[in-house]
PDB file of N, CA and C in Angstrom:
ATOM      1  N   MET A   1      -5.358 -60.395  16.628  1.00  0.00           N
ATOM      2  CA  MET A   1      -5.090 -60.254  18.072  1.00  0.00           C
ATOM      3  C   MET A   1      -5.367 -59.021  19.257  1.00  0.00           C
ATOM      4  N   VAL A   2      -5.926 -59.667  20.185  1.00  0.00           N
ATOM      5  CA  VAL A   2      -6.442 -58.116  21.662  1.00  0.00           C
ATOM      6  C   VAL A   2      -5.548 -58.543  22.347  1.00  0.00           C
ATOM      7  N   ALA A   3      -4.942 -57.890  23.401  1.00  0.00           N
ATOM      8  CA  ALA A   3      -4.273 -58.050  24.301  1.00  0.00           C
ATOM      9  C   ALA A   3      -5.398 -57.393  25.140  1.00  0.00           C
ATOM     10  N   VAL A   4      -5.304 -58.495  26.493  1.00  0.00           N
ATOM     11  CA  VAL A   4      -6.118 -59.338  27.436  1.00  0.00           C
ATOM     12  C   VAL A   4      -5.316 -58.529  28.939  1.00  0.00           C
ATOM     13  N   CYS A   5      -6.140 -57.459  29.594  1.00  0.00           N
ATOM     14  CA  CYS A   5      -5.373 -57.318  30.553  1.00  0.00           C
ATOM     15  C   CYS A   5      -6.658 -58.103  32.308  1.00  0.00           C
ATOM     16  N   GLN A   6      -5.967 -58.031  32.825  1.00  0.00           N
ATOM     17  CA  GLN A   6      -7.069 -58.645  34.603  1.00  0.00           C
ATOM     18  C   GLN A   6      -7.717 -58.506  34.235  1.00  0.00           C
ATOM     19  N   GLY A   7      -9.191 -58.567  34.555  1.00  0.00           N
ATOM     20  CA  GLY A   7     -10.870 -58.249  35.278  1.00  0.00           C
ATOM     21  C   GLY A   7     -10.661 -57.348  34.154  1.00  0.00           C
ATOM     22  N   GLY A   8     -10.937 -57.496  32.890  1.00  0.00           N
ATOM     23  CA  GLY A   8     -11.498 -56.615  31.988  1.00  0.00           C
ATOM     24  C   GLY A   8     -10.949 -57.106  30.206  1.00  0.00           C
ATOM     25  N   LEU A   9     -11.417 -56.733  29.234  1.00  0.00           N
ATOM     26  CA  LEU A   9     -11.441 -57.322  28.045  1.00  0.00           C
ATOM     27  C   LEU A   9     -10.119 -56.568  27.608  1.00  0.00           C
ATOM     28  N   GLY A  10      -9.388 -56.246  27.909  1.00  0.00           N
ATOM     29  CA  GLY A  10      -8.156 -55.719  26.999  1.00  0.00           C
ATOM     30  C   GLY A  10      -8.729 -54.118  26.595  1.00  0.00           C
ATOM     31  N   TRP A  11      -7.123 -53.260  25.987  1.00  0.00           N
ATOM     32  CA  TRP A  11      -7.009 -51.801  26.771  1.00  0.00           C
ATOM     33  C   TRP A  11      -7.805 -51.016  25.459  1.00  0.00           C
ATOM     34  N   ALA A  12      -7.315 -49.913  26.241  1.00  0.00           N
ATOM     35  CA  ALA A  12      -8.792 -48.851  25.404  1.00  0.00           C
ATOM     36  C   ALA A  12      -9.570 -48.663  25.134  1.00  0.00           C
ATOM     37  N   GLY A  13     -10.108 -48.888  25.837  1.00  0.00           N
ATOM     38  CA  GLY A  13     -11.798 -48.874  26.547  1.00  0.00           C
ATOM     39  C   GLY A  13     -12.716 -50.112  26.339  1.00  0.00           C
ATOM     40  N   ARG A  14     -11.923 -50.971  26.075  1.00  0.00           N
ATOM     41  CA  ARG A  14     -13.030 -52.247  25.045  1.00  0.00           C
ATOM     42  C   ARG A  14     -13.583 -53.731  25.821  1.00  0.00           C
ATOM     43  N   GLY A  15     -13.483 -52.923  27.150  1.00  0.00           N
ATOM     44  CA  GLY A  15     -14.287 -53.544  27.927  1.00  0.00           C
ATOM     45  C   GLY A  15     -15.243 -52.799  29.648  1.00  0.00           C
ATOM     46  N   PRO A  16     -14.725 -53.510  30.049  1.00  0.00           N
ATOM     47  CA  PRO A  16     -15.813 -53.214  31.461  1.00  0.00           C
ATOM     48  C   PRO A  16     -14.598 -52.511  32.510  1.00  0.00           C
ATOM     49  N   ALA A  17     -14.654 -51.207  32.790  1.00  0.00           N
ATOM     50  CA  ALA A  17     -13.582 -50.538  33.577  1.00  0.00           C
ATOM     51  C   ALA A  17     -13.450 -51.160  34.764  1.00  0.00           C
ATOM     52  N   SER A  18     -12.992 -52.820  35.336  1.00  0.00           N
ATOM     53  CA  SER A  18     -12.463 -53.091  36.216  1.00  0.00           C
ATOM     54  C   SER A  18     -11.255 -53.588  36.570  1.00  0.00           C
ATOM     55  N   GLY A  19     -10.360 -53.451  35.355  1.00  0.00           N
ATOM     56  CA  GLY A  19      -8.791 -54.223  36.150  1.00  0.00           C
ATOM     57  C   GLY A  19      -8.443 -52.854  36.642  1.00  0.00           C
ATOM     58  N   PRO A  20      -7.145 -53.315  37.003  1.00  0.00           N
ATOM     59  CA  PRO A  20      -6.203 -52.024  37.265  1.00  0.00           C
ATOM     60  C   PRO A  20      -5.904 -51.344  36.447  1.00  0.00           C
ATOM     61  N   ILE A  21      -5.399 -51.639  34.488  1.00  0.00           N
ATOM     62  CA  ILE A  21      -5.070 -50.631  34.275  1.00  0.00           C
ATOM     63  C   ILE A  21      -6.169 -49.265  34.148  1.00  0.00           C
ATOM     64  N   ASP A  22      -7.681 -49.982  34.157  1.00  0.00           N
ATOM     65  CA  ASP A  22      -8.542 -49.347  34.327  1.00  0.00           C
ATOM     66  C   ASP A  22      -8.806 -48.244  35.581  1.00  0.00           C
ATOM     67  N   GLN A  23      -8.011 -48.623  36.745  1.00  0.00           N
ATOM     68  CA  GLN A  23      -8.472 -48.213  37.373  1.00  0.00           C
ATOM     69  C   GLN A  23      -6.963 -46.646  37.820  1.00  0.00           C
ATOM     70  N   HIS A  24      -6.073 -47.359  36.735  1.00  0.00           N
ATOM     71  CA  HIS A  24      -4.847 -46.298  37.294  1.00  0.00           C
ATOM     72  C   HIS A  24      -5.331 -45.387  35.718  1.00  0.00           C
ATOM     73  N   ARG A  25      -5.628 -45.717  34.557  1.00  0.00           N
ATOM     74  CA  ARG A  25      -6.200 -44.816  34.142  1.00  0.00           C
ATOM     75  C   ARG A  25      -7.220 -43.823  34.423  1.00  0.00           C
ATOM     76  N   GLY A  26      -8.427 -44.006  35.361  1.00  0.00           N
ATOM     77  CA  GLY A  26      -9.517 -42.980  35.938  1.00  0.00           C
ATOM     78  C   GLY A  26      -8.336 -42.324  36.856  1.00  0.00           C
ATOM     79  N   PHE A  27      -7.316 -42.553  37.923  1.00  0.00           N
ATOM     80  CA  PHE A  27      -6.339 -41.241  38.942  1.00  0.00           C
ATOM     81  C   PHE A  27      -6.366 -40.687  37.801  1.00  0.00           C
ATOM     82  N   LEU A  28      -5.364 -41.024  37.065  1.00  0.00           N
ATOM     83  CA  LEU A  28      -4.217 -40.434  36.140  1.00  0.00           C
ATOM     84  C   LEU A  28      -5.472 -39.306  35.148  1.00  0.00           C
ATOM     85  N   VAL A  29      -6.554 -39.447  34.827  1.00  0.00           N
ATOM     86  CA  VAL A  29      -7.248 -38.860  34.532  1.00  0.00           C
ATOM     87  C   VAL A  29      -7.236 -37.349  35.091  1.00  0.00           C
ATOM     88  N   GLY A  30      -7.961 -37.404  37.071  1.00  0.00           N
ATOM     89  CA  GLY A  30      -8.608 -37.031  37.632  1.00  0.00           C
ATOM     90  C   GLY A  30      -6.580 -35.592  37.728  1.00  0.00           C
ATOM     91  N   PHE A  31      -5.832 -36.411  38.372  1.00  0.00           N
ATOM     92  CA  PHE A  31      -4.613 -35.768  38.552  1.00  0.00           C
ATOM     93  C   PHE A  31      -4.334 -34.622  36.952  1.00  0.00           C
ATOM     94  N   PHE A  32      -4.614 -35.455  35.927  1.00  0.00           N
ATOM     95  CA  PHE A  32      -4.508 -34.740  34.584  1.00  0.00           C
ATOM     96  C   PHE A  32      -5.063 -32.977  34.720  1.00  0.00           C
ATOM     97  N   ASP A  33      -6.617 -33.906  35.405  1.00  0.00           N
ATOM     98  CA  ASP A  33      -7.607 -32.244  35.744  1.00  0.00           C
ATOM     99  C   ASP A  33      -7.840 -31.466  36.332  1.00  0.00           C
ATOM    100  N   SER A  34      -6.442 -31.854  37.761  1.00  0.00           N
ATOM    101  CA  SER A  34      -6.621 -30.739  38.470  1.00  0.00           C
ATOM    102  C   SER A  34      -5.338 -30.293  38.446  1.00  0.00           C
ATOM    103  N   ALA A  35      -4.729 -30.731  37.351  1.00  0.00           N
ATOM    104  CA  ALA A  35      -3.242 -29.814  36.803  1.00  0.00           C
ATOM    105  C   ALA A  35      -3.259 -28.722  36.250  1.00  0.00           C
ATOM    106  N   LYS A  36      -4.252 -29.614  35.298  1.00  0.00           N
ATOM    107  CA  LYS A  36      -4.825 -28.349  33.906  1.00  0.00           C
ATOM    108  C   LYS A  36      -5.106 -26.774  34.798  1.00  0.00           C
ATOM    109  N   ASP A  37      -6.441 -28.421  35.521  1.00  0.00           N
ATOM    110  CA  ASP A  37      -7.314 -26.220  36.247  1.00  0.00           C
ATOM    111  C   ASP A  37      -5.811 -25.630  37.386  1.00  0.00           C
ATOM    112  N   LYS A  38      -5.396 -26.317  38.127  1.00  0.00           N
ATOM    113  CA  LYS A  38      -4.112 -25.384  38.757  1.00  0.00           C
ATOM    114  C   LYS A  38      -3.621 -24.642  37.801  1.00  0.00           C
ATOM    115  N   LEU A  39      -2.027 -25.149  36.699  1.00  0.00           N
ATOM    116  CA  LEU A  39      -2.154 -24.389  35.430  1.00  0.00           C
ATOM    117  C   LEU A  39      -3.057 -23.474  35.542  1.00  0.00           C
ATOM    118  N   THR A  40      -4.281 -23.203  35.192  1.00  0.00           N
ATOM    119  CA  THR A  40      -5.369 -22.519  34.175  1.00  0.00           C
ATOM    120  C   THR A  40      -5.310 -21.381  34.909  1.00  0.00           C
ATOM    121  N   ASP A  41      -5.715 -21.622  36.777  1.00  0.00           N
ATOM    122  CA  ASP A  41      -5.429 -21.361  37.419  1.00  0.00           C
ATOM    123  C   ASP A  41      -4.378 -19.993  37.746  1.00  0.00           C
ATOM    124  N   ALA A  42      -2.752 -20.682  37.532  1.00  0.00           N
ATOM    125  CA  ALA A  42      -1.986 -19.595  37.385  1.00  0.00           C
ATOM    126  C   ALA A  42      -1.462 -18.749  36.551  1.00  0.00           C
ATOM    127  N   VAL A  43      -1.827 -19.398  35.479  1.00  0.00           N
ATOM    128  CA  VAL A  43      -1.678 -18.262  34.169  1.00  0.00           C
ATOM    129  C   VAL A  43      -2.730 -16.963  33.909  1.00  0.00           C
ATOM    130  N   ASP A  44      -3.426 -17.509  34.652  1.00  0.00           N
ATOM    131  CA  ASP A  44      -4.791 -15.992  34.467  1.00  0.00           C
ATOM    132  C   ASP A  44      -4.323 -15.509  35.723  1.00  0.00           C
ATOM    133  N   SER A  45      -3.841 -15.100  37.127  1.00  0.00           N
ATOM    134  CA  SER A  45      -3.228 -14.419  37.866  1.00  0.00           C
ATOM    135  C   SER A  45      -2.349 -14.000  37.810  1.00  0.00           C
ATOM    136  N   GLN A  46      -1.527 -14.868  36.668  1.00  0.00           N
ATOM    137  CA  GLN A  46       0.532 -14.268  36.525  1.00  0.00           C
ATOM    138  C   GLN A  46       0.789 -14.569  35.307  1.00  0.00           C
ATOM    139  N   GLY A  47      -0.070 -14.933  34.895  1.00  0.00           N
ATOM    140  CA  GLY A  47       0.375 -14.000  32.462  1.00  0.00           C
ATOM    141  C   GLY A  47       1.257 -14.144  32.723  1.00  0.00           C
ATOM    142  N   ASP A  48       1.203 -12.482  32.895  1.00  0.00           N
ATOM    143  CA  ASP A  48       2.563 -11.500  32.739  1.00  0.00           C
ATOM    144  C   ASP A  48       4.442 -12.624  33.153  1.00  0.00           C
ATOM    145  N   LYS A  49       4.177 -12.183  34.240  1.00  0.00           N
ATOM    146  CA  LYS A  49       4.950 -12.705  35.265  1.00  0.00           C
ATOM    147  C   LYS A  49       5.150 -15.125  34.555  1.00  0.00           C
ATOM    148  N   ILE A  50       4.728 -15.225  33.858  1.00  0.00           N
ATOM    149  CA  ILE A  50       4.808 -16.802  33.337  1.00  0.00           C
ATOM    150  C   ILE A  50       6.011 -15.800  31.834  1.00  0.00           C
ATOM    151  N   ALA A  51       4.896 -15.349  31.372  1.00  0.00           N
ATOM    152  CA  ALA A  51       5.618 -14.321  30.019  1.00  0.00           C
ATOM    153  C   ALA A  51       6.805 -14.377  29.804  1.00  0.00           C
ATOM    154  N   ASP A  52       7.560 -13.237  31.001  1.00  0.00           N
ATOM    155  CA  ASP A  52       8.501 -12.776  31.749  1.00  0.00           C
ATOM    156  C   ASP A  52       9.834 -13.794  31.736  1.00  0.00           C
ATOM    157  N   GLY A  53       9.245 -15.228  33.023  1.00  0.00           N
ATOM    158  CA  GLY A  53      10.588 -16.142  32.557  1.00  0.00           C
ATOM    159  C   GLY A  53      10.243 -16.912  31.487  1.00  0.00           C
ATOM    160  N   LEU A  54       9.445 -17.161  30.657  1.00  0.00           N
ATOM    161  CA  LEU A  54       9.574 -17.953  29.126  1.00  0.00           C
ATOM    162  C   LEU A  54      10.584 -16.559  28.625  1.00  0.00           C
ATOM    163  N   ASP A  55      10.747 -15.843  28.815  1.00  0.00           N
ATOM    164  CA  ASP A  55      11.561 -14.997  27.254  1.00  0.00           C
ATOM    165  C   ASP A  55      13.166 -14.936  28.533  1.00  0.00           C
ATOM    166  N   LYS A  56      13.135 -14.753  29.196  1.00  0.00           N
ATOM    167  CA  LYS A  56      14.660 -15.326  30.486  1.00  0.00           C
ATOM    168  C   LYS A  56      14.975 -16.794  30.010  1.00  0.00           C
ATOM    169  N   ALA A  57      13.850 -17.997  29.937  1.00  0.00           N
ATOM    170  CA  ALA A  57      14.851 -18.405  29.649  1.00  0.00           C
ATOM    171  C   ALA A  57      15.290 -18.943  28.303  1.00  0.00           C
ATOM    172  N   ALA A  58      14.261 -18.298  27.788  1.00  0.00           N
ATOM    173  CA  ALA A  58      15.026 -18.257  26.448  1.00  0.00           C
ATOM    174  C   ALA A  58      16.122 -17.580  25.934  1.00  0.00           C
ATOM    175  N   ASP A  59      16.183 -17.084  26.416  1.00  0.00           N
ATOM    176  CA  ASP A  59      17.205 -15.540  26.693  1.00  0.00           C
ATOM    177  C   ASP A  59      18.931 -15.928  26.927  1.00  0.00           C
ATOM    178  N   LEU A  60      18.554 -17.056  28.120  1.00  0.00           N
ATOM    179  CA  LEU A  60      19.767 -18.168  29.003  1.00  0.00           C
ATOM    180  C   LEU A  60      20.359 -18.971  27.473  1.00  0.00           C
ATOM    181  N   VAL A  61      18.862 -19.861  27.126  1.00  0.00           N
ATOM    182  CA  VAL A  61      19.563 -20.899  26.282  1.00  0.00           C
ATOM    183  C   VAL A  61      20.044 -20.656  24.675  1.00  0.00           C
ATOM    184  N   ASP A  62      19.918 -18.892  24.735  1.00  0.00           N
ATOM    185  CA  ASP A  62      19.917 -18.368  23.087  1.00  0.00           C
ATOM    186  C   ASP A  62      21.670 -17.821  23.191  1.00  0.00           C
ATOM    187  N   ASP A  63      21.445 -17.544  24.457  1.00  0.00           N
ATOM    188  CA  ASP A  63      22.510 -17.187  24.936  1.00  0.00           C
ATOM    189  C   ASP A  63      24.436 -18.407  25.434  1.00  0.00           C
ATOM    190  N   LYS A  64      23.973 -19.479  25.752  1.00  0.00           N
ATOM    191  CA  LYS A  64      24.881 -20.356  25.949  1.00  0.00           C
ATOM    192  C   LYS A  64      24.806 -21.265  24.789  1.00  0.00           C
ATOM    193  N   THR A  65      23.922 -21.149  23.985  1.00  0.00           N
ATOM    194  CA  THR A  65      24.159 -21.741  22.119  1.00  0.00           C
ATOM    195  C   THR A  65      24.671 -20.513  21.029  1.00  0.00           C
ATOM    196  N   GLY A  66      25.447 -20.034  21.322  1.00  0.00           N
ATOM    197  CA  GLY A  66      25.690 -18.643  20.923  1.00  0.00           C
ATOM    198  C   GLY A  66      25.191 -18.444  19.842  1.00  0.00           C
ATOM    199  N   GLY A  67      23.992 -18.244  20.095  1.00  0.00           N
ATOM    200  CA  GLY A  67      22.954 -17.398  18.695  1.00  0.00           C
ATOM    201  C   GLY A  67      22.776 -18.219  17.614  1.00  0.00           C
ATOM    202  N   LYS A  68      22.974 -19.727  17.891  1.00  0.00           N
ATOM    203  CA  LYS A  68      23.069 -20.412  16.668  1.00  0.00           C
ATOM    204  C   LYS A  68      21.438 -20.911  16.302  1.00  0.00           C
ATOM    205  N   PHE A  69      21.217 -20.749  17.010  1.00  0.00           N
ATOM    206  CA  PHE A  69      19.330 -21.522  16.904  1.00  0.00           C
ATOM    207  C   PHE A  69      18.266 -20.463  17.547  1.00  0.00           C
ATOM    208  N   GLY A  70      18.748 -18.538  17.681  1.00  0.00           N
ATOM    209  CA  GLY A  70      18.040 -17.760  18.193  1.00  0.00           C
ATOM    210  C   GLY A  70      15.815 -18.233  17.660  1.00  0.00           C
ATOM    211  N   ASP A  71      16.463 -18.066  16.588  1.00  0.00           N
ATOM    212  CA  ASP A  71      14.851 -18.421  15.738  1.00  0.00           C
ATOM    213  C   ASP A  71      14.204 -19.375  15.939  1.00  0.00           C
ATOM    214  N   LYS A  72      14.531 -20.473  16.893  1.00  0.00           N
ATOM    215  CA  LYS A  72      13.993 -21.856  17.057  1.00  0.00           C
ATOM    216  C   LYS A  72      13.538 -21.775  18.366  1.00  0.00           C
ATOM    217  N   ILE A  73      14.801 -20.736  18.644  1.00  0.00           N
ATOM    218  CA  ILE A  73      14.211 -21.043  20.603  1.00  0.00           C
ATOM    219  C   ILE A  73      13.281 -19.917  20.663  1.00  0.00           C
ATOM    220  N   ASP A  74      12.784 -18.687  20.078  1.00  0.00           N
ATOM    221  CA  ASP A  74      12.001 -18.135  20.420  1.00  0.00           C
ATOM    222  C   ASP A  74      10.948 -18.071  19.807  1.00  0.00           C
ATOM    223  N   MET A  75      10.782 -18.934  18.776  1.00  0.00           N
ATOM    224  CA  MET A  75       9.493 -19.448  18.106  1.00  0.00           C
ATOM    225  C   MET A  75       9.182 -20.996  19.318  1.00  0.00           C
ATOM    226  N   GLY A  76       9.596 -21.207  19.958  1.00  0.00           N
ATOM    227  CA  GLY A  76       9.362 -22.645  20.763  1.00  0.00           C
ATOM    228  C   GLY A  76       8.725 -22.024  21.889  1.00  0.00           C
ATOM    229  N   ALA A  77       9.806 -20.429  22.850  1.00  0.00           N
ATOM    230  CA  ALA A  77       8.976 -19.377  23.638  1.00  0.00           C
ATOM    231  C   ALA A  77       7.656 -18.970  23.437  1.00  0.00           C
ATOM    232  N   ASP A  78       7.431 -17.927  22.324  1.00  0.00           N
ATOM    233  CA  ASP A  78       5.587 -18.210  21.392  1.00  0.00           C
ATOM    234  C   ASP A  78       5.205 -19.415  21.132  1.00  0.00           C
ATOM    235  N   LYS A  79       5.463 -20.173  20.971  1.00  0.00           N
ATOM    236  CA  LYS A  79       4.767 -21.468  20.879  1.00  0.00           C
ATOM    237  C   LYS A  79       4.040 -21.981  22.483  1.00  0.00           C
ATOM    238  N   ALA A  80       4.780 -21.557  23.319  1.00  0.00           N
ATOM    239  CA  ALA A  80       4.485 -21.810  24.525  1.00  0.00           C
ATOM    240  C   ALA A  80       3.904 -21.372  25.439  1.00  0.00           C
ATOM    241  N   LYS A  81       4.199 -19.895  24.751  1.00  0.00           N
ATOM    242  CA  LYS A  81       2.677 -18.913  25.708  1.00  0.00           C
ATOM    243  C   LYS A  81       1.702 -19.103  25.147  1.00  0.00           C
ATOM    244  N   ASP A  82       1.651 -19.530  23.572  1.00  0.00           N
ATOM    245  CA  ASP A  82       0.234 -19.700  23.245  1.00  0.00           C
ATOM    246  C   ASP A  82      -0.743 -20.298  24.014  1.00  0.00           C
ATOM    247  N   ALA A  83       0.125 -22.042  23.724  1.00  0.00           N
ATOM    248  CA  ALA A  83      -0.547 -22.873  24.272  1.00  0.00           C
ATOM    249  C   ALA A  83      -0.975 -22.478  25.964  1.00  0.00           C
ATOM    250  N   LEU A  84      -0.082 -21.643  26.778  1.00  0.00           N
ATOM    251  CA  LEU A  84      -0.026 -21.806  28.022  1.00  0.00           C
ATOM    252  C   LEU A  84      -1.751 -20.280  27.977  1.00  0.00           C
ATOM    253  N   ASP A  85      -1.459 -20.028  27.445  1.00  0.00           N
ATOM    254  CA  ASP A  85      -2.653 -18.633  26.907  1.00  0.00           C
ATOM    255  C   ASP A  85      -4.066 -19.282  26.689  1.00  0.00           C
ATOM    256  N   GLY A  86      -3.541 -20.701  26.530  1.00  0.00           N
ATOM    257  CA  GLY A  86      -5.451 -21.241  25.444  1.00  0.00           C
ATOM    258  C   GLY A  86      -5.661 -21.961  26.363  1.00  0.00           C
ATOM    259  N   LEU A  87      -5.595 -21.875  27.466  1.00  0.00           N
ATOM    260  CA  LEU A  87      -5.949 -23.035  28.358  1.00  0.00           C
ATOM    261  C   LEU A  87      -7.087 -23.144  28.580  1.00  0.00           C
ATOM    262  N   ASP A  88      -7.611 -21.452  29.292  1.00  0.00           N
ATOM    263  CA  ASP A  88      -8.705 -20.998  29.292  1.00  0.00           C
ATOM    264  C   ASP A  88      -9.621 -21.102  28.395  1.00  0.00           C
ATOM    265  N   GLY A  89      -9.305 -21.177  26.950  1.00  0.00           N
ATOM    266  CA  GLY A  89      -9.725 -20.985  26.072  1.00  0.00           C
ATOM    267  C   GLY A  89     -10.176 -19.761  25.588  1.00  0.00           C
ATOM    268  N   GLN A  90      -8.984 -18.635  25.881  1.00  0.00           N
ATOM    269  CA  GLN A  90      -9.345 -17.702  25.580  1.00  0.00           C
ATOM    270  C   GLN A  90      -7.796 -16.968  25.474  1.00  0.00           C
ATOM    271  N   ASP A  91      -7.644 -16.072  24.617  1.00  0.00           N
ATOM    272  CA  ASP A  91      -6.045 -15.108  24.331  1.00  0.00           C
ATOM    273  C   ASP A  91      -5.861 -14.000  25.190  1.00  0.00           C
ATOM    274  N   ASP A  92      -5.894 -13.598  26.586  1.00  0.00           N
ATOM    275  CA  ASP A  92      -6.128 -13.050  26.993  1.00  0.00           C
ATOM    276  C   ASP A  92      -5.511 -12.808  27.909  1.00  0.00           C
ATOM    277  N   ASP A  93      -4.117 -14.055  28.522  1.00  0.00           N
ATOM    278  CA  ASP A  93      -3.906 -14.162  29.567  1.00  0.00           C
ATOM    279  C   ASP A  93      -2.688 -13.737  29.679  1.00  0.00           C
ATOM    280  N   ILE A  94      -1.842 -13.848  28.590  1.00  0.00           N
ATOM    281  CA  ILE A  94       0.560 -13.621  27.854  1.00  0.00           C
ATOM    282  C   ILE A  94       0.085 -12.910  27.165  1.00  0.00           C
ATOM    283  N   ASN A  95       1.190 -11.639  27.468  1.00  0.00           N
ATOM    284  CA  ASN A  95       1.599 -11.250  26.564  1.00  0.00           C
ATOM    285  C   ASN A  95       2.527 -11.145  25.368  1.00  0.00           C
TER     286      ASN A  95
END
C-alpha cells in the first residue's frame, strides 16, 4: 500500500512535487543548506575557539558525573570536533 498525500502521488519523492509535504521538504532542504554553510564559515574562522568550548563543556560534564564516564565524554567531544572539522571536506580547522 502506498501512502497518498494531497496533490501528489505519495511520499519520499514518488510523484510530482506539488503537495504541501513536498513544499515543506524544499524549504527544509534550503534551510539546512544555509545553516550548514553558516556553520562551516564559523568553524573555518573560529575553529580553535569552538574546540576550546567543546573541551570545556566535556570537562564540565565529566565533573558533574564524578568522572564515571570520562572516556565516553572525551570520545564524544572528539567526534563532535571531527564532524565539525570535516564540514568543508578538509581536516584543518580544529586541532
